[in-house]
């Protein structure tokens, strides 16, 4: 499976920049963020402490967030 070079810390930084807040942690391996994008409530699950993600996992987080994929790489 192809991987994308973005860490969980970078994903968290972008989510916080767009107004998301951490609302939960599951066993230390997953973090959940809540936010509102385009007047729609969103919940995003991010795997903690990852240095890179499978492309499908990353795109799933992008889809959950409602943020454009390009915003994660600016």
N, C-alpha and C. Protein backbone atom coordinates (compact mmCIF):
# COMPACT_ATOMS: atom_id res chain seq x y z
N UNK A 1 0.85 -1.18 0.00
CA UNK A 1 0.00 0.00 0.00
C UNK A 1 0.90 1.24 0.00
N UNK A 2 0.66 2.20 -0.90
CA UNK A 2 1.47 3.42 -0.92
C UNK A 2 1.28 4.23 0.36
N UNK A 3 2.33 4.91 0.77
CA UNK A 3 2.29 5.71 1.99
C UNK A 3 2.46 7.18 1.64
N UNK A 4 1.96 8.03 2.53
CA UNK A 4 2.08 9.48 2.34
C UNK A 4 2.88 10.03 3.52
N UNK A 5 3.80 10.91 3.23
CA UNK A 5 4.73 11.40 4.23
C UNK A 5 4.16 12.61 4.98
N UNK A 6 3.26 12.33 5.93
CA UNK A 6 2.72 13.36 6.81
C UNK A 6 2.52 12.70 8.18
N UNK A 7 2.94 13.38 9.22
CA UNK A 7 2.86 12.79 10.56
C UNK A 7 1.53 13.13 11.22
N UNK A 8 1.23 12.41 12.28
CA UNK A 8 -0.01 12.67 13.02
C UNK A 8 0.05 14.05 13.68
N UNK A 9 1.24 14.51 14.05
CA UNK A 9 1.39 15.85 14.64
C UNK A 9 1.02 16.93 13.63
N UNK A 10 1.41 16.74 12.37
CA UNK A 10 1.08 17.70 11.32
C UNK A 10 -0.43 17.70 11.04
N UNK A 11 -1.04 16.53 11.03
CA UNK A 11 -2.49 16.44 10.83
C UNK A 11 -3.20 17.16 11.97
N UNK A 12 -2.75 16.92 13.20
CA UNK A 12 -3.34 17.57 14.37
C UNK A 12 -3.20 19.09 14.27
N UNK A 13 -2.06 19.58 13.82
CA UNK A 13 -1.82 21.01 13.69
C UNK A 13 -2.80 21.64 12.70
N UNK A 14 -3.02 20.99 11.57
CA UNK A 14 -3.96 21.51 10.55
C UNK A 14 -5.38 21.51 11.09
N UNK A 15 -5.76 20.43 11.78
CA UNK A 15 -7.12 20.36 12.35
C UNK A 15 -7.33 21.49 13.36
N UNK A 16 -6.37 21.70 14.24
CA UNK A 16 -6.49 22.77 15.25
C UNK A 16 -6.55 24.15 14.58
N UNK A 17 -5.79 24.31 13.51
CA UNK A 17 -5.78 25.58 12.77
C UNK A 17 -7.17 25.89 12.20
N UNK A 18 -7.93 24.85 11.86
CA UNK A 18 -9.28 25.02 11.32
C UNK A 18 -10.36 24.95 12.40
N UNK A 19 -9.97 25.00 13.67
CA UNK A 19 -10.94 25.10 14.75
C UNK A 19 -11.35 23.80 15.41
N UNK A 20 -10.71 22.69 15.05
CA UNK A 20 -11.05 21.41 15.68
C UNK A 20 -10.44 21.35 17.08
N UNK A 21 -11.12 20.63 17.96
CA UNK A 21 -10.64 20.43 19.32
C UNK A 21 -10.63 18.95 19.63
N UNK A 22 -9.66 18.53 20.42
CA UNK A 22 -9.58 17.11 20.80
C UNK A 22 -10.68 16.82 21.82
N UNK A 23 -11.41 15.73 21.58
CA UNK A 23 -12.52 15.39 22.48
C UNK A 23 -12.35 14.01 23.11
N UNK A 24 -11.41 13.24 22.64
CA UNK A 24 -11.24 11.93 23.23
C UNK A 24 -10.01 11.22 22.73
N UNK A 25 -9.62 10.23 23.51
CA UNK A 25 -8.47 9.42 23.18
C UNK A 25 -8.85 7.98 23.49
N UNK A 26 -8.53 7.08 22.60
CA UNK A 26 -8.90 5.69 22.80
C UNK A 26 -7.64 4.85 22.92
N UNK A 27 -7.33 4.45 24.14
CA UNK A 27 -6.20 3.57 24.37
C UNK A 27 -4.85 4.15 24.00
N UNK A 28 -4.78 5.45 23.80
CA UNK A 28 -3.52 6.09 23.46
C UNK A 28 -3.13 5.95 22.00
N UNK A 29 -3.87 5.16 21.22
CA UNK A 29 -3.48 4.96 19.83
C UNK A 29 -4.33 5.77 18.86
N UNK A 30 -5.47 6.28 19.29
CA UNK A 30 -6.35 7.06 18.43
C UNK A 30 -6.79 8.32 19.18
N UNK A 31 -6.88 9.43 18.44
CA UNK A 31 -7.40 10.67 19.00
C UNK A 31 -8.61 11.07 18.18
N UNK A 32 -9.61 11.64 18.85
CA UNK A 32 -10.78 12.12 18.12
C UNK A 32 -10.88 13.62 18.27
N UNK A 33 -11.15 14.28 17.14
CA UNK A 33 -11.29 15.72 17.09
C UNK A 33 -12.69 16.07 16.60
N UNK A 34 -13.24 17.16 17.15
CA UNK A 34 -14.54 17.66 16.70
C UNK A 34 -14.37 19.08 16.22
N UNK A 35 -15.12 19.41 15.19
CA UNK A 35 -15.09 20.77 14.66
C UNK A 35 -16.27 21.01 13.75
N UNK A 36 -16.39 22.25 13.30
CA UNK A 36 -17.46 22.61 12.38
C UNK A 36 -16.82 23.21 11.14
N UNK A 37 -17.09 22.60 10.00
CA UNK A 37 -16.60 23.08 8.71
C UNK A 37 -17.81 23.26 7.81
N UNK A 38 -17.93 24.44 7.22
CA UNK A 38 -19.05 24.76 6.32
C UNK A 38 -20.40 24.47 6.98
N UNK A 39 -20.56 24.89 8.22
CA UNK A 39 -21.80 24.74 8.99
C UNK A 39 -22.21 23.28 9.19
N UNK A 40 -21.25 22.38 9.15
CA UNK A 40 -21.53 20.96 9.37
C UNK A 40 -20.59 20.43 10.45
N UNK A 41 -21.16 19.75 11.44
CA UNK A 41 -20.35 19.17 12.50
C UNK A 41 -19.53 18.01 11.95
N UNK A 42 -18.28 17.96 12.33
CA UNK A 42 -17.36 16.92 11.85
C UNK A 42 -16.66 16.25 13.02
N UNK A 43 -16.38 14.97 12.86
CA UNK A 43 -15.59 14.22 13.83
C UNK A 43 -14.53 13.47 13.04
N UNK A 44 -13.27 13.65 13.46
CA UNK A 44 -12.14 13.03 12.76
C UNK A 44 -11.36 12.16 13.74
N UNK A 45 -11.07 10.95 13.33
CA UNK A 45 -10.24 10.04 14.13
C UNK A 45 -8.85 10.01 13.52
N UNK A 46 -7.83 10.29 14.35
CA UNK A 46 -6.44 10.32 13.89
C UNK A 46 -5.64 9.31 14.70
N UNK A 47 -4.88 8.48 14.01
CA UNK A 47 -3.98 7.56 14.69
C UNK A 47 -2.84 8.36 15.31
N UNK A 48 -2.58 8.18 16.58
CA UNK A 48 -1.55 8.96 17.27
C UNK A 48 -0.16 8.37 17.02
N UNK A 49 0.82 9.24 17.06
CA UNK A 49 2.24 8.87 16.98
C UNK A 49 2.61 8.12 15.71
N UNK A 50 2.07 8.56 14.57
CA UNK A 50 2.43 7.96 13.28
C UNK A 50 3.33 8.94 12.54
N UNK A 51 4.31 8.42 11.83
CA UNK A 51 5.21 9.26 11.04
C UNK A 51 4.73 9.36 9.60
N UNK A 52 4.01 8.37 9.13
CA UNK A 52 3.40 8.42 7.80
C UNK A 52 2.18 7.51 7.79
N UNK A 53 1.27 7.79 6.86
CA UNK A 53 0.01 7.07 6.80
C UNK A 53 -0.13 6.37 5.46
N UNK A 54 -0.92 5.29 5.44
CA UNK A 54 -1.36 4.72 4.17
C UNK A 54 -2.19 5.79 3.48
N UNK A 55 -2.14 5.83 2.18
CA UNK A 55 -2.85 6.85 1.42
C UNK A 55 -4.36 6.78 1.68
N UNK A 56 -4.91 5.58 1.82
CA UNK A 56 -6.35 5.45 2.08
C UNK A 56 -6.72 5.98 3.46
N UNK A 57 -5.88 5.74 4.45
CA UNK A 57 -6.13 6.22 5.80
C UNK A 57 -6.10 7.75 5.82
N UNK A 58 -5.11 8.32 5.15
CA UNK A 58 -5.00 9.77 5.09
C UNK A 58 -6.21 10.38 4.40
N UNK A 59 -6.61 9.83 3.27
CA UNK A 59 -7.76 10.37 2.54
C UNK A 59 -9.05 10.22 3.34
N UNK A 60 -9.16 9.19 4.16
CA UNK A 60 -10.31 9.02 5.02
C UNK A 60 -10.37 10.15 6.06
N UNK A 61 -9.22 10.50 6.64
CA UNK A 61 -9.17 11.60 7.61
C UNK A 61 -9.54 12.92 6.93
N UNK A 62 -9.06 13.12 5.71
CA UNK A 62 -9.37 14.34 4.96
C UNK A 62 -10.88 14.41 4.70
N UNK A 63 -11.46 13.30 4.27
CA UNK A 63 -12.89 13.25 3.99
C UNK A 63 -13.70 13.52 5.27
N UNK A 64 -13.30 12.93 6.38
CA UNK A 64 -14.00 13.13 7.65
C UNK A 64 -13.95 14.59 8.07
N UNK A 65 -12.83 15.25 7.81
CA UNK A 65 -12.64 16.63 8.27
C UNK A 65 -13.38 17.66 7.42
N UNK A 66 -13.54 17.39 6.13
CA UNK A 66 -14.15 18.37 5.24
C UNK A 66 -13.19 19.45 4.79
N UNK A 67 -11.92 19.31 5.14
CA UNK A 67 -10.87 20.26 4.74
C UNK A 67 -10.26 19.77 3.44
N UNK A 68 -9.87 20.68 2.58
CA UNK A 68 -9.25 20.30 1.32
C UNK A 68 -7.89 19.63 1.57
N UNK A 69 -7.58 18.63 0.77
CA UNK A 69 -6.34 17.87 0.94
C UNK A 69 -5.11 18.77 0.83
N UNK A 70 -5.15 19.77 -0.03
CA UNK A 70 -4.01 20.67 -0.22
C UNK A 70 -3.68 21.46 1.04
N UNK A 71 -4.68 21.72 1.89
CA UNK A 71 -4.46 22.47 3.12
C UNK A 71 -3.56 21.71 4.10
N UNK A 72 -3.47 20.40 3.95
CA UNK A 72 -2.61 19.62 4.83
C UNK A 72 -1.13 19.72 4.45
N UNK A 73 -0.85 20.26 3.26
CA UNK A 73 0.54 20.32 2.80
C UNK A 73 1.05 21.74 2.64
N UNK A 74 0.29 22.75 3.07
CA UNK A 74 0.76 24.15 2.98
C UNK A 74 1.66 24.50 4.13
